[in-house]
Amino acid sequence: DFTMNNLSELELQNLRHLIGGYETTHCKMEAYAREATDPQIKSFFEEAVTSSCENKQTLMKFLH
């Protein structure tokens, strides 16, 4: 089990950077999905929203 106590300062900074990146991706993909008119493109962006959210939640577990 990894916890915050097992992570170096550099690893924590990298983790925070990755989490922030997934948050940004999530917001952008949501906006793109809202604007998409083609069903396949809309679906692609909606899947990206779900994926970025899941990845962010997985990384957040390392901060607990």
Protein backbone atom coordinates (compact mmCIF):
# COMPACT_ATOMS: atom_id res chain seq x y z
CA ASP A 1 0.00 0.00 0.00
CA PHE A 2 1.21 3.44 -0.95
CA THR A 3 0.35 6.40 1.21
CA MET A 4 1.41 10.01 1.17
CA ASN A 5 4.08 9.10 3.75
CA ASN A 6 5.74 6.78 1.23
CA LEU A 7 6.00 9.45 -1.48
CA SER A 8 8.92 11.82 -1.95
CA GLU A 9 8.33 15.55 -2.36
CA LEU A 10 9.03 15.26 -6.10
CA GLU A 11 6.55 12.38 -6.43
CA LEU A 12 3.93 14.44 -4.59
CA GLN A 13 4.51 17.40 -6.91
CA ASN A 14 4.24 15.13 -9.94
CA LEU A 15 1.08 13.55 -8.57
CA ARG A 16 -0.53 16.96 -7.99
CA HIS A 17 0.47 17.99 -11.51
CA LEU A 18 -1.11 14.85 -13.00
CA ILE A 19 -4.31 15.33 -10.98
CA GLY A 20 -4.53 18.93 -12.15
CA GLY A 21 -4.01 17.78 -15.73
CA TYR A 22 -6.85 15.29 -15.49
CA GLU A 23 -9.09 18.00 -14.01
CA THR A 24 -8.29 20.28 -16.95
CA THR A 25 -8.86 17.45 -19.43
CA HIS A 26 -12.16 16.60 -17.76
CA CYS A 27 -13.43 20.19 -18.09
CA LYS A 28 -12.32 20.51 -21.71
CA MET A 29 -13.79 17.17 -22.76
CA GLU A 30 -17.10 18.06 -21.08
CA ALA A 31 -17.22 21.30 -23.05
CA TYR A 32 -16.37 19.52 -26.31
CA ALA A 33 -19.03 16.86 -25.65
CA ARG A 34 -21.66 19.55 -25.03
CA GLU A 35 -20.83 21.27 -28.32
CA ALA A 36 -20.48 18.14 -30.47
CA THR A 37 -23.31 17.47 -32.88
CA ASP A 38 -22.01 14.24 -34.41
CA PRO A 39 -23.10 11.34 -32.15
CA GLN A 40 -19.80 9.45 -32.55
CA ILE A 41 -17.72 12.51 -31.70
CA LYS A 42 -20.00 13.33 -28.77
CA SER A 43 -19.61 9.75 -27.52
CA PHE A 44 -15.82 9.94 -27.88
CA PHE A 45 -15.66 13.07 -25.71
CA GLU A 46 -18.12 11.65 -23.16
CA GLU A 47 -15.91 8.56 -22.81
CA ALA A 48 -12.90 10.84 -22.35
CA VAL A 49 -14.77 12.64 -19.54
CA THR A 50 -15.40 9.34 -17.77
CA SER A 51 -11.83 8.16 -18.27
CA SER A 52 -10.24 11.38 -17.00
CA CYS A 53 -12.51 11.34 -13.95
CA GLU A 54 -11.61 7.72 -13.15
CA ASN A 55 -7.89 8.41 -13.60
CA LYS A 56 -8.08 11.46 -11.34
CA GLN A 57 -9.91 9.47 -8.64
CA THR A 58 -7.30 6.71 -8.83
CA LEU A 59 -4.48 9.21 -8.38
CA MET A 60 -6.31 10.95 -5.53
CA LYS A 61 -6.16 7.70 -3.54
CA PHE A 62 -2.40 8.14 -3.26
CA LEU A 63 -2.92 11.39 -1.35
CA HIS A 64 -4.86 9.73 1.48
